[in-house]
């Protein structure tokens, strides 16, 4: 009986947590060095050595897990800017974040992003 209860609890937790998160697939790119020192949309100074990203709509401060679908490497970034404004791209990463998921040589890679829903 205890095992059935535990299994039921695990199933409910998994169902509930999947309702709290959103997952999307698309393409990621990374910022050019040209943006170093400029202001981001939230007013911060852009630095390519930080682990941040741009997204078109997510609130500033949202933590987003980005997974490179080519090699399954992931990183969690914080949204502090708007963009990318290229069709099919869903997130722009700093160069440091892009290095962590080994996408520098490719430039643009297919990714999965996962973030907590804002209810």
PDB file of N, CA and C in Angstrom:
ATOM      1  N   UNK A   1       0.822  -1.197   0.000  1.00  0.00           N
ATOM      2  CA  UNK A   1       0.000   0.000   0.000  1.00  0.00           C
ATOM      3  C   UNK A   1       0.867   1.262   0.000  1.00  0.00           C
ATOM      4  N   UNK A   2       1.956   1.253   0.766  1.00  0.00           N
ATOM      5  CA  UNK A   2       2.847   2.408   0.825  1.00  0.00           C
ATOM      6  C   UNK A   2       3.485   2.694  -0.523  1.00  0.00           C
ATOM      7  N   UNK A   3       3.853   1.628  -1.244  1.00  0.00           N
ATOM      8  CA  UNK A   3       4.488   1.791  -2.555  1.00  0.00           C
ATOM      9  C   UNK A   3       3.494   2.383  -3.549  1.00  0.00           C
ATOM     10  N   UNK A   4       2.245   1.935  -3.514  1.00  0.00           N
ATOM     11  CA  UNK A   4       1.218   2.489  -4.411  1.00  0.00           C
ATOM     12  C   UNK A   4       1.034   3.977  -4.156  1.00  0.00           C
ATOM     13  N   UNK A   5       1.008   4.362  -2.889  1.00  0.00           N
ATOM     14  CA  UNK A   5       0.868   5.772  -2.539  1.00  0.00           C
ATOM     15  C   UNK A   5       2.039   6.595  -3.024  1.00  0.00           C
ATOM     16  N   UNK A   6       3.235   6.054  -2.877  1.00  0.00           N
ATOM     17  CA  UNK A   6       4.438   6.738  -3.324  1.00  0.00           C
ATOM     18  C   UNK A   6       4.446   6.879  -4.847  1.00  0.00           C
ATOM     19  N   UNK A   7       4.071   5.827  -5.550  1.00  0.00           N
ATOM     20  CA  UNK A   7       3.999   5.886  -7.013  1.00  0.00           C
ATOM     21  C   UNK A   7       2.965   6.918  -7.467  1.00  0.00           C
ATOM     22  N   UNK A   8       1.826   6.956  -6.810  1.00  0.00           N
ATOM     23  CA  UNK A   8       0.789   7.928  -7.149  1.00  0.00           C
ATOM     24  C   UNK A   8       1.313   9.349  -6.926  1.00  0.00           C
ATOM     25  N   UNK A   9       2.014   9.560  -5.827  1.00  0.00           N
ATOM     26  CA  UNK A   9       2.584  10.870  -5.539  1.00  0.00           C
ATOM     27  C   UNK A   9       3.597  11.274  -6.614  1.00  0.00           C
ATOM     28  N   UNK A  10       4.434  10.358  -7.040  1.00  0.00           N
ATOM     29  CA  UNK A  10       5.418  10.637  -8.091  1.00  0.00           C
ATOM     30  C   UNK A  10       4.720  11.002  -9.399  1.00  0.00           C
ATOM     31  N   UNK A  11       3.692  10.269  -9.753  1.00  0.00           N
ATOM     32  CA  UNK A  11       2.947  10.549 -10.991  1.00  0.00           C
ATOM     33  C   UNK A  11       2.299  11.922 -10.928  1.00  0.00           C
ATOM     34  N   UNK A  12       1.675  12.235  -9.808  1.00  0.00           N
ATOM     35  CA  UNK A  12       1.021  13.539  -9.665  1.00  0.00           C
ATOM     36  C   UNK A  12       2.048  14.664  -9.739  1.00  0.00           C
ATOM     37  N   UNK A  13       3.187  14.504  -9.076  1.00  0.00           N
ATOM     38  CA  UNK A  13       4.240  15.530  -9.107  1.00  0.00           C
ATOM     39  C   UNK A  13       4.755  15.739 -10.526  1.00  0.00           C
ATOM     40  N   UNK A  14       4.958  14.652 -11.262  1.00  0.00           N
ATOM     41  CA  UNK A  14       5.427  14.778 -12.646  1.00  0.00           C
ATOM     42  C   UNK A  14       4.403  15.478 -13.525  1.00  0.00           C
ATOM     43  N   UNK A  15       3.155  15.144 -13.366  1.00  0.00           N
ATOM     44  CA  UNK A  15       2.105  15.807 -14.139  1.00  0.00           C
ATOM     45  C   UNK A  15       2.031  17.288 -13.794  1.00  0.00           C
ATOM     46  N   UNK A  16       2.087  17.590 -12.511  1.00  0.00           N
ATOM     47  CA  UNK A  16       1.992  18.971 -12.072  1.00  0.00           C
ATOM     48  C   UNK A  16       3.180  19.792 -12.545  1.00  0.00           C
ATOM     49  N   UNK A  17       4.378  19.245 -12.438  1.00  0.00           N
ATOM     50  CA  UNK A  17       5.562  20.009 -12.843  1.00  0.00           C
ATOM     51  C   UNK A  17       5.579  20.249 -14.341  1.00  0.00           C
ATOM     52  N   UNK A  18       5.068  19.313 -15.141  1.00  0.00           N
ATOM     53  CA  UNK A  18       5.034  19.537 -16.584  1.00  0.00           C
ATOM     54  C   UNK A  18       4.044  20.640 -16.942  1.00  0.00           C
ATOM     55  N   UNK A  19       3.062  20.872 -16.092  1.00  0.00           N
ATOM     56  CA  UNK A  19       2.114  21.962 -16.306  1.00  0.00           C
ATOM     57  C   UNK A  19       2.737  23.307 -15.962  1.00  0.00           C
ATOM     58  N   UNK A  20       3.777  23.314 -15.157  1.00  0.00           N
ATOM     59  CA  UNK A  20       4.406  24.558 -14.726  1.00  0.00           C
ATOM     60  C   UNK A  20       5.478  25.049 -15.695  1.00  0.00           C
ATOM     61  N   UNK A  21       5.908  24.204 -16.613  1.00  0.00           N
ATOM     62  CA  UNK A  21       6.994  24.558 -17.525  1.00  0.00           C
ATOM     63  C   UNK A  21       6.540  24.538 -18.974  1.00  0.00           C
ATOM     64  N   UNK A  22       7.161  25.386 -19.768  1.00  0.00           N
ATOM     65  CA  UNK A  22       6.915  25.443 -21.202  1.00  0.00           C
ATOM     66  C   UNK A  22       8.201  25.047 -21.915  1.00  0.00           C
ATOM     67  N   UNK A  23       8.062  24.249 -22.950  1.00  0.00           N
ATOM     68  CA  UNK A  23       9.198  23.841 -23.768  1.00  0.00           C
ATOM     69  C   UNK A  23       8.920  24.232 -25.214  1.00  0.00           C
ATOM     70  N   UNK A  24       9.914  24.831 -25.861  1.00  0.00           N
ATOM     71  CA  UNK A  24       9.788  25.204 -27.277  1.00  0.00           C
ATOM     72  C   UNK A  24      11.082  24.851 -27.996  1.00  0.00           C
ATOM     73  N   UNK A  25      10.963  24.606 -29.288  1.00  0.00           N
ATOM     74  CA  UNK A  25      12.134  24.322 -30.122  1.00  0.00           C
ATOM     75  C   UNK A  25      12.245  25.381 -31.204  1.00  0.00           C
ATOM     76  N   UNK A  26      13.477  25.684 -31.553  1.00  0.00           N
ATOM     77  CA  UNK A  26      13.752  26.663 -32.595  1.00  0.00           C
ATOM     78  C   UNK A  26      15.252  26.791 -32.730  1.00  0.00           C
ATOM     79  N   UNK A  27      15.690  27.929 -33.230  1.00  0.00           N
ATOM     80  CA  UNK A  27      17.117  28.138 -33.442  1.00  0.00           C
ATOM     81  C   UNK A  27      17.654  29.215 -32.511  1.00  0.00           C
ATOM     82  N   UNK A  28      18.896  28.991 -32.077  1.00  0.00           N
ATOM     83  CA  UNK A  28      19.598  29.958 -31.233  1.00  0.00           C
ATOM     84  C   UNK A  28      20.807  30.484 -31.994  1.00  0.00           C
ATOM     85  N   UNK A  29      21.103  31.732 -31.719  1.00  0.00           N
ATOM     86  CA  UNK A  29      22.322  32.346 -32.230  1.00  0.00           C
ATOM     87  C   UNK A  29      23.007  33.006 -31.040  1.00  0.00           C
ATOM     88  N   UNK A  30      24.130  33.662 -31.296  1.00  0.00           N
ATOM     89  CA  UNK A  30      24.779  34.364 -30.190  1.00  0.00           C
ATOM     90  C   UNK A  30      25.218  35.752 -30.655  1.00  0.00           C
ATOM     91  N   UNK A  31      25.371  36.634 -29.670  1.00  0.00           N
ATOM     92  CA  UNK A  31      25.701  38.028 -29.934  1.00  0.00           C
ATOM     93  C   UNK A  31      27.080  38.200 -30.560  1.00  0.00           C
ATOM     94  N   UNK A  32      27.173  39.169 -31.432  1.00  0.00           N
ATOM     95  CA  UNK A  32      28.471  39.569 -31.985  1.00  0.00           C
ATOM     96  C   UNK A  32      29.204  40.426 -30.954  1.00  0.00           C
ATOM     97  N   UNK A  33      30.515  40.482 -31.051  1.00  0.00           N
ATOM     98  CA  UNK A  33      31.317  41.300 -30.144  1.00  0.00           C
ATOM     99  C   UNK A  33      30.946  42.786 -30.228  1.00  0.00           C
ATOM    100  N   UNK A  34      30.344  43.175 -31.318  1.00  0.00           N
ATOM    101  CA  UNK A  34      29.927  44.554 -31.566  1.00  0.00           C
ATOM    102  C   UNK A  34      29.066  45.121 -30.431  1.00  0.00           C
ATOM    103  N   UNK A  35      28.298  44.262 -29.755  1.00  0.00           N
ATOM    104  CA  UNK A  35      27.359  44.727 -28.721  1.00  0.00           C
ATOM    105  C   UNK A  35      27.998  44.935 -27.354  1.00  0.00           C
ATOM    106  N   UNK A  36      29.227  44.522 -27.190  1.00  0.00           N
ATOM    107  CA  UNK A  36      29.921  44.652 -25.897  1.00  0.00           C
ATOM    108  C   UNK A  36      29.870  46.099 -25.405  1.00  0.00           C
ATOM    109  N   UNK A  37      29.407  46.269 -24.160  1.00  0.00           N
ATOM    110  CA  UNK A  37      29.364  47.593 -23.551  1.00  0.00           C
ATOM    111  C   UNK A  37      28.113  48.408 -23.832  1.00  0.00           C
ATOM    112  N   UNK A  38      27.275  47.941 -24.745  1.00  0.00           N
ATOM    113  CA  UNK A  38      26.026  48.658 -25.049  1.00  0.00           C
ATOM    114  C   UNK A  38      24.965  48.298 -24.012  1.00  0.00           C
ATOM    115  N   UNK A  39      23.900  49.064 -23.968  1.00  0.00           N
ATOM    116  CA  UNK A  39      22.802  48.797 -23.029  1.00  0.00           C
ATOM    117  C   UNK A  39      21.885  47.725 -23.599  1.00  0.00           C
ATOM    118  N   UNK A  40      21.457  46.810 -22.722  1.00  0.00           N
ATOM    119  CA  UNK A  40      20.443  45.826 -23.105  1.00  0.00           C
ATOM    120  C   UNK A  40      19.072  46.459 -22.894  1.00  0.00           C
ATOM    121  N   UNK A  41      18.031  45.767 -23.307  1.00  0.00           N
ATOM    122  CA  UNK A  41      16.673  46.298 -23.192  1.00  0.00           C
ATOM    123  C   UNK A  41      16.252  46.545 -21.748  1.00  0.00           C
ATOM    124  N   UNK A  42      16.842  45.831 -20.800  1.00  0.00           N
ATOM    125  CA  UNK A  42      16.467  46.059 -19.397  1.00  0.00           C
ATOM    126  C   UNK A  42      17.375  47.093 -18.722  1.00  0.00           C
ATOM    127  N   UNK A  43      18.302  47.686 -19.481  1.00  0.00           N
ATOM    128  CA  UNK A  43      19.146  48.740 -18.948  1.00  0.00           C
ATOM    129  C   UNK A  43      20.528  48.298 -18.488  1.00  0.00           C
ATOM    130  N   UNK A  44      20.770  46.990 -18.424  1.00  0.00           N
ATOM    131  CA  UNK A  44      22.098  46.498 -18.040  1.00  0.00           C
ATOM    132  C   UNK A  44      23.090  46.766 -19.162  1.00  0.00           C
ATOM    133  N   UNK A  45      24.344  46.825 -18.794  1.00  0.00           N
ATOM    134  CA  UNK A  45      25.406  46.910 -19.793  1.00  0.00           C
ATOM    135  C   UNK A  45      25.671  45.492 -20.296  1.00  0.00           C
ATOM    136  N   UNK A  46      25.675  45.328 -21.617  1.00  0.00           N
ATOM    137  CA  UNK A  46      25.884  44.002 -22.203  1.00  0.00           C
ATOM    138  C   UNK A  46      27.340  43.573 -22.061  1.00  0.00           C
ATOM    139  N   UNK A  47      27.520  42.344 -21.611  1.00  0.00           N
ATOM    140  CA  UNK A  47      28.852  41.751 -21.503  1.00  0.00           C
ATOM    141  C   UNK A  47      28.788  40.318 -22.015  1.00  0.00           C
ATOM    142  N   UNK A  48      29.609  40.023 -23.013  1.00  0.00           N
ATOM    143  CA  UNK A  48      29.616  38.689 -23.619  1.00  0.00           C
ATOM    144  C   UNK A  48      30.146  37.615 -22.672  1.00  0.00           C
ATOM    145  N   UNK A  49      30.765  38.011 -21.554  1.00  0.00           N
ATOM    146  CA  UNK A  49      31.268  37.001 -20.620  1.00  0.00           C
ATOM    147  C   UNK A  49      30.230  36.620 -19.561  1.00  0.00           C
ATOM    148  N   UNK A  50      29.037  37.198 -19.627  1.00  0.00           N
ATOM    149  CA  UNK A  50      27.953  36.849 -18.704  1.00  0.00           C
ATOM    150  C   UNK A  50      27.109  35.727 -19.313  1.00  0.00           C
ATOM    151  N   UNK A  51      26.304  35.091 -18.479  1.00  0.00           N
ATOM    152  CA  UNK A  51      25.434  34.004 -18.953  1.00  0.00           C
ATOM    153  C   UNK A  51      24.007  34.554 -19.017  1.00  0.00           C
ATOM    154  N   UNK A  52      23.754  35.334 -20.065  1.00  0.00           N
ATOM    155  CA  UNK A  52      22.442  35.956 -20.260  1.00  0.00           C
ATOM    156  C   UNK A  52      21.982  35.722 -21.689  1.00  0.00           C
ATOM    157  N   UNK A  53      20.746  36.176 -21.975  1.00  0.00           N
ATOM    158  CA  UNK A  53      20.188  35.936 -23.304  1.00  0.00           C
ATOM    159  C   UNK A  53      19.098  36.954 -23.627  1.00  0.00           C
ATOM    160  N   UNK A  54      18.742  36.974 -24.892  1.00  0.00           N
ATOM    161  CA  UNK A  54      17.637  37.799 -25.371  1.00  0.00           C
ATOM    162  C   UNK A  54      16.492  36.898 -25.818  1.00  0.00           C
ATOM    163  N   UNK A  55      15.284  37.309 -25.481  1.00  0.00           N
ATOM    164  CA  UNK A  55      14.061  36.631 -25.915  1.00  0.00           C
ATOM    165  C   UNK A  55      13.049  37.706 -26.262  1.00  0.00           C
ATOM    166  N   UNK A  56      12.186  37.429 -27.237  1.00  0.00           N
ATOM    167  CA  UNK A  56      11.241  38.445 -27.692  1.00  0.00           C
ATOM    168  C   UNK A  56      10.225  38.862 -26.638  1.00  0.00           C
ATOM    169  N   UNK A  57       9.738  37.907 -25.830  1.00  0.00           N
ATOM    170  CA  UNK A  57       8.600  38.215 -24.964  1.00  0.00           C
ATOM    171  C   UNK A  57       8.758  37.875 -23.485  1.00  0.00           C
ATOM    172  N   UNK A  58       9.621  36.947 -23.136  1.00  0.00           N
ATOM    173  CA  UNK A  58       9.707  36.527 -21.735  1.00  0.00           C
ATOM    174  C   UNK A  58      10.100  37.694 -20.835  1.00  0.00           C
ATOM    175  N   UNK A  59       9.543  37.742 -19.624  1.00  0.00           N
ATOM    176  CA  UNK A  59       9.901  38.822 -18.695  1.00  0.00           C
ATOM    177  C   UNK A  59      11.389  38.811 -18.369  1.00  0.00           C
ATOM    178  N   UNK A  60      11.945  40.003 -18.179  1.00  0.00           N
ATOM    179  CA  UNK A  60      13.341  40.110 -17.769  1.00  0.00           C
ATOM    180  C   UNK A  60      13.517  39.376 -16.452  1.00  0.00           C
ATOM    181  N   UNK A  61      14.639  38.677 -16.325  1.00  0.00           N
ATOM    182  CA  UNK A  61      14.925  37.910 -15.124  1.00  0.00           C
ATOM    183  C   UNK A  61      14.511  36.455 -15.208  1.00  0.00           C
ATOM    184  N   UNK A  62      13.721  36.083 -16.220  1.00  0.00           N
ATOM    185  CA  UNK A  62      13.304  34.692 -16.381  1.00  0.00           C
ATOM    186  C   UNK A  62      14.522  33.816 -16.620  1.00  0.00           C
ATOM    187  N   UNK A  63      14.583  32.690 -15.927  1.00  0.00           N
ATOM    188  CA  UNK A  63      15.653  31.707 -16.126  1.00  0.00           C
ATOM    189  C   UNK A  63      15.186  30.711 -17.178  1.00  0.00           C
ATOM    190  N   UNK A  64      16.011  30.485 -18.172  1.00  0.00           N
ATOM    191  CA  UNK A  64      15.664  29.619 -19.295  1.00  0.00           C
ATOM    192  C   UNK A  64      16.753  28.565 -19.467  1.00  0.00           C
ATOM    193  N   UNK A  65      16.346  27.302 -19.494  1.00  0.00           N
ATOM    194  CA  UNK A  65      17.296  26.236 -19.804  1.00  0.00           C
ATOM    195  C   UNK A  65      17.347  26.091 -21.317  1.00  0.00           C
ATOM    196  N   UNK A  66      18.542  26.191 -21.880  1.00  0.00           N
ATOM    197  CA  UNK A  66      18.747  26.086 -23.327  1.00  0.00           C
ATOM    198  C   UNK A  66      19.552  24.822 -23.587  1.00  0.00           C
ATOM    199  N   UNK A  67      19.026  23.936 -24.434  1.00  0.00           N
ATOM    200  CA  UNK A  67      19.696  22.683 -24.774  1.00  0.00           C
ATOM    201  C   UNK A  67      20.018  22.660 -26.254  1.00  0.00           C
ATOM    202  N   UNK A  68      21.288  22.482 -26.579  1.00  0.00           N
ATOM    203  CA  UNK A  68      21.735  22.318 -27.954  1.00  0.00           C
ATOM    204  C   UNK A  68      21.309  20.905 -28.380  1.00  0.00           C
ATOM    205  N   UNK A  69      20.413  20.804 -29.360  1.00  0.00           N
ATOM    206  CA  UNK A  69      19.889  19.495 -29.761  1.00  0.00           C
ATOM    207  C   UNK A  69      20.896  18.665 -30.552  1.00  0.00           C
ATOM    208  N   UNK A  70      21.975  19.286 -30.994  1.00  0.00           N
ATOM    209  CA  UNK A  70      23.020  18.554 -31.713  1.00  0.00           C
ATOM    210  C   UNK A  70      23.860  17.701 -30.764  1.00  0.00           C
ATOM    211  N   UNK A  71      24.100  18.206 -29.533  1.00  0.00           N
ATOM    212  CA  UNK A  71      24.977  17.477 -28.606  1.00  0.00           C
ATOM    213  C   UNK A  71      24.365  17.275 -27.215  1.00  0.00           C
ATOM    214  N   UNK A  72      23.160  17.771 -27.016  1.00  0.00           N
ATOM    215  CA  UNK A  72      22.410  17.622 -25.757  1.00  0.00           C
ATOM    216  C   UNK A  72      23.035  18.379 -24.579  1.00  0.00           C
ATOM    217  N   UNK A  73      23.931  19.322 -24.837  1.00  0.00           N
ATOM    218  CA  UNK A  73      24.501  20.139 -23.762  1.00  0.00           C
ATOM    219  C   UNK A  73      23.530  21.265 -23.427  1.00  0.00           C
ATOM    220  N   UNK A  74      23.419  21.556 -22.114  1.00  0.00           N
ATOM    221  CA  UNK A  74      22.468  22.564 -21.647  1.00  0.00           C
ATOM    222  C   UNK A  74      23.133  23.610 -20.781  1.00  0.00           C
ATOM    223  N   UNK A  75      22.475  24.762 -20.727  1.00  0.00           N
ATOM    224  CA  UNK A  75      22.889  25.838 -19.829  1.00  0.00           C
ATOM    225  C   UNK A  75      21.636  26.610 -19.419  1.00  0.00           C
ATOM    226  N   UNK A  76      21.664  27.184 -18.229  1.00  0.00           N
ATOM    227  CA  UNK A  76      20.569  28.038 -17.771  1.00  0.00           C
ATOM    228  C   UNK A  76      21.034  29.485 -17.883  1.00  0.00           C
ATOM    229  N   UNK A  77      20.253  30.280 -18.609  1.00  0.00           N
ATOM    230  CA  UNK A  77      20.568  31.689 -18.826  1.00  0.00           C
ATOM    231  C   UNK A  77      19.468  32.556 -18.229  1.00  0.00           C
ATOM    232  N   UNK A  78      19.791  33.834 -18.028  1.00  0.00           N
ATOM    233  CA  UNK A  78      18.811  34.798 -17.524  1.00  0.00           C
ATOM    234  C   UNK A  78      18.481  35.777 -18.646  1.00  0.00           C
ATOM    235  N   UNK A  79      17.193  36.021 -18.857  1.00  0.00           N
ATOM    236  CA  UNK A  79      16.767  36.937 -19.915  1.00  0.00           C
ATOM    237  C   UNK A  79      16.974  38.375 -19.444  1.00  0.00           C
ATOM    238  N   UNK A  80      17.735  39.153 -20.255  1.00  0.00           N
ATOM    239  CA  UNK A  80      17.947  40.558 -19.926  1.00  0.00           C
ATOM    240  C   UNK A  80      17.867  41.470 -21.149  1.00  0.00           C
ATOM    241  N   UNK A  81      17.433  40.900 -22.289  1.00  0.00           N
ATOM    242  CA  UNK A  81      17.387  41.691 -23.514  1.00  0.00           C
ATOM    243  C   UNK A  81      16.251  41.193 -24.407  1.00  0.00           C
ATOM    244  N   UNK A  82      15.942  41.951 -25.443  1.00  0.00           N
ATOM    245  CA  UNK A  82      14.917  41.579 -26.418  1.00  0.00           C
ATOM    246  C   UNK A  82      15.581  41.133 -27.719  1.00  0.00           C
ATOM    247  N   UNK A  83      14.912  40.212 -28.398  1.00  0.00           N
ATOM    248  CA  UNK A  83      15.416  39.660 -29.645  1.00  0.00           C
ATOM    249  C   UNK A  83      15.330  38.151 -29.565  1.00  0.00           C
ATOM    250  N   UNK A  84      15.815  37.416 -30.472  1.00  0.00           N
ATOM    251  CA  UNK A  84      16.363  37.842 -31.761  1.00  0.00           C
ATOM    252  C   UNK A  84      15.230  38.216 -32.718  1.00  0.00           C
ATOM    253  N   UNK A  85      15.556  39.023 -33.685  1.00  0.00           N
ATOM    254  CA  UNK A  85      14.548  39.488 -34.632  1.00  0.00           C
ATOM    255  C   UNK A  85      14.802  38.918 -36.019  1.00  0.00           C
ATOM    256  N   UNK A  86      15.147  37.643 -36.040  1.00  0.00           N
ATOM    257  CA  UNK A  86      15.360  36.885 -37.277  1.00  0.00           C
ATOM    258  C   UNK A  86      14.376  35.720 -37.254  1.00  0.00           C
ATOM    259  N   UNK A  87      13.653  35.525 -38.330  1.00  0.00           N
ATOM    260  CA  UNK A  87      12.642  34.470 -38.401  1.00  0.00           C
ATOM    261  C   UNK A  87      13.231  33.101 -38.037  1.00  0.00           C
ATOM    262  N   UNK A  88      12.536  32.381 -37.167  1.00  0.00           N
ATOM    263  CA  UNK A  88      12.948  31.036 -36.784  1.00  0.00           C
ATOM    264  C   UNK A  88      13.846  30.981 -35.563  1.00  0.00           C
ATOM    265  N   UNK A  89      14.442  32.098 -35.204  1.00  0.00           N
ATOM    266  CA  UNK A  89      15.309  32.119 -34.031  1.00  0.00           C
ATOM    267  C   UNK A  89      14.484  32.470 -32.788  1.00  0.00           C
ATOM    268  N   UNK A  90      14.711  31.706 -31.717  1.00  0.00           N
ATOM    269  CA  UNK A  90      13.905  31.917 -30.520  1.00  0.00           C
ATOM    270  C   UNK A  90      14.696  32.500 -29.356  1.00  0.00           C
ATOM    271  N   UNK A  91      16.024  32.495 -29.455  1.00  0.00           N
ATOM    272  CA  UNK A  91      16.834  33.029 -28.364  1.00  0.00           C
ATOM    273  C   UNK A  91      18.219  33.405 -28.891  1.00  0.00           C
ATOM    274  N   UNK A  92      18.766  34.478 -28.337  1.00  0.00           N
ATOM    275  CA  UNK A  92      20.141  34.901 -28.613  1.00  0.00           C
ATOM    276  C   UNK A  92      20.920  34.759 -27.318  1.00  0.00           C
ATOM    277  N   UNK A  93      22.044  34.092 -27.373  1.00  0.00           N
ATOM    278  CA  UNK A  93      22.864  33.861 -26.192  1.00  0.00           C
ATOM    279  C   UNK A  93      24.103  34.742 -26.210  1.00  0.00           C
ATOM    280  N   UNK A  94      24.666  34.984 -25.038  1.00  0.00           N
ATOM    281  CA  UNK A  94      25.978  35.615 -25.000  1.00  0.00           C
ATOM    282  C   UNK A  94      27.003  34.593 -25.500  1.00  0.00           C
ATOM    283  N   UNK A  95      28.159  35.089 -25.858  1.00  0.00           N
ATOM    284  CA  UNK A  95      29.190  34.187 -26.365  1.00  0.00           C
ATOM    285  C   UNK A  95      29.598  33.159 -25.301  1.00  0.00           C
ATOM    286  N   UNK A  96      29.650  33.571 -24.035  1.00  0.00           N
ATOM    287  CA  UNK A  96      30.009  32.631 -22.957  1.00  0.00           C
ATOM    288  C   UNK A  96      28.990  31.506 -22.848  1.00  0.00           C
ATOM    289  N   UNK A  97      27.710  31.847 -22.946  1.00  0.00           N
ATOM    290  CA  UNK A  97      26.663  30.817 -22.891  1.00  0.00           C
ATOM    291  C   UNK A  97      26.752  29.903 -24.106  1.00  0.00           C
ATOM    292  N   UNK A  98      27.003  30.481 -25.269  1.00  0.00           N
ATOM    293  CA  UNK A  98      27.124  29.691 -26.500  1.00  0.00           C
ATOM    294  C   UNK A  98      28.301  28.715 -26.420  1.00  0.00           C
ATOM    295  N   UNK A  99      29.403  29.151 -25.821  1.00  0.00           N
ATOM    296  CA  UNK A  99      30.566  28.267 -25.658  1.00  0.00           C
ATOM    297  C   UNK A  99      30.225  27.071 -24.773  1.00  0.00           C
ATOM    298  N   UNK A 100      29.454  27.308 -23.723  1.00  0.00           N
ATOM    299  CA  UNK A 100      29.097  26.240 -22.784  1.00  0.00           C
ATOM    300  C   UNK A 100      28.325  25.101 -23.454  1.00  0.00           C
ATOM    301  N   UNK A 101      27.565  25.425 -24.497  1.00  0.00           N
ATOM    302  CA  UNK A 101      26.804  24.366 -25.186  1.00  0.00           C
ATOM    303  C   UNK A 101      27.409  24.035 -26.557  1.00  0.00           C
ATOM    304  N   UNK A 102      28.665  24.441 -26.742  1.00  0.00           N
ATOM    305  CA  UNK A 102      29.431  24.120 -27.962  1.00  0.00           C
ATOM    306  C   UNK A 102      28.725  24.485 -29.265  1.00  0.00           C
ATOM    307  N   UNK A 103      28.315  25.747 -29.369  1.00  0.00           N
ATOM    308  CA  UNK A 103      27.666  26.162 -30.612  1.00  0.00           C
ATOM    309  C   UNK A 103      28.442  27.239 -31.372  1.00  0.00           C
ATOM    310  N   UNK A 104      29.606  27.609 -30.871  1.00  0.00           N
ATOM    311  CA  UNK A 104      30.372  28.697 -31.488  1.00  0.00           C
ATOM    312  C   UNK A 104      30.718  28.399 -32.945  1.00  0.00           C
ATOM    313  N   UNK A 105      31.225  27.221 -33.224  1.00  0.00           N
ATOM    314  CA  UNK A 105      31.647  26.919 -34.602  1.00  0.00           C
ATOM    315  C   UNK A 105      30.465  26.825 -35.560  1.00  0.00           C
ATOM    316  N   UNK A 106      29.292  26.456 -35.053  1.00  0.00           N
ATOM    317  CA  UNK A 106      28.104  26.368 -35.901  1.00  0.00           C
ATOM    318  C   UNK A 106      27.447  27.733 -36.108  1.00  0.00           C
ATOM    319  N   UNK A 107      27.522  28.597 -35.125  1.00  0.00           N
ATOM    320  CA  UNK A 107      26.906  29.921 -35.225  1.00  0.00           C
ATOM    321  C   UNK A 107      25.440  29.928 -34.862  1.00  0.00           C
ATOM    322  N   UNK A 108      24.670  29.119 -35.545  1.00  0.00           N
ATOM    323  CA  UNK A 108      23.232  28.979 -35.281  1.00  0.00           C
ATOM    324  C   UNK A 108      22.959  27.490 -35.127  1.00  0.00           C
ATOM    325  N   UNK A 109      22.260  27.113 -34.052  1.00  0.00           N
ATOM    326  CA  UNK A 109      21.941  25.704 -33.820  1.00  0.00           C
ATOM    327  C   UNK A 109      20.488  25.550 -33.409  1.00  0.00           C
ATOM    328  N   UNK A 110      19.969  24.356 -33.651  1.00  0.00           N
ATOM    329  CA  UNK A 110      18.624  24.033 -33.195  1.00  0.00           C
ATOM    330  C   UNK A 110      18.692  23.745 -31.700  1.00  0.00           C
ATOM    331  N   UNK A 111      17.777  24.370 -30.957  1.00  0.00           N
ATOM    332  CA  UNK A 111      17.762  24.232 -29.505  1.00  0.00           C
ATOM    333  C   UNK A 111      16.352  23.953 -29.001  1.00  0.00           C
ATOM    334  N   UNK A 112      16.330  23.500 -27.770  1.00  0.00           N
ATOM    335  CA  UNK A 112      15.073  23.392 -27.021  1.00  0.00           C
ATOM    336  C   UNK A 112      15.241  24.350 -25.853  1.00  0.00           C
ATOM    337  N   UNK A 113      14.220  25.193 -25.622  1.00  0.00           N
ATOM    338  CA  UNK A 113      14.258  26.042 -24.442  1.00  0.00           C
ATOM    339  C   UNK A 113      13.147  25.602 -23.499  1.00  0.00           C
ATOM    340  N   UNK A 114      13.436  25.683 -22.212  1.00  0.00           N
ATOM    341  CA  UNK A 114      12.477  25.271 -21.183  1.00  0.00           C
ATOM    342  C   UNK A 114      12.506  26.321 -20.087  1.00  0.00           C
ATOM    343  N   UNK A 115      11.317  26.797 -19.737  1.00  0.00           N
ATOM    344  CA  UNK A 115      11.230  27.809 -18.701  1.00  0.00           C
ATOM    345  C   UNK A 115       9.923  27.655 -17.935  1.00  0.00           C
ATOM    346  N   UNK A 116       9.930  28.208 -16.731  1.00  0.00           N
ATOM    347  CA  UNK A 116       8.772  28.150 -15.866  1.00  0.00           C
ATOM    348  C   UNK A 116       7.714  29.108 -16.378  1.00  0.00           C
ATOM    349  N   UNK A 117       6.487  28.640 -16.475  1.00  0.00           N
ATOM    350  CA  UNK A 117       5.382  29.486 -16.914  1.00  0.00           C
ATOM    351  C   UNK A 117       5.141  30.591 -15.895  1.00  0.00           C
ATOM    352  N   UNK A 118       4.812  31.753 -16.384  1.00  0.00           N
ATOM    353  CA  UNK A 118       4.413  32.853 -15.523  1.00  0.00           C
ATOM    354  C   UNK A 118       2.892  32.885 -15.523  1.00  0.00           C
ATOM    355  N   UNK A 119       2.315  32.423 -14.422  1.00  0.00           N
ATOM    356  CA  UNK A 119       0.857  32.319 -14.329  1.00  0.00           C
ATOM    357  C   UNK A 119       0.225  33.615 -13.922  1.00  0.00           C
TER     358      UNK A 119
END
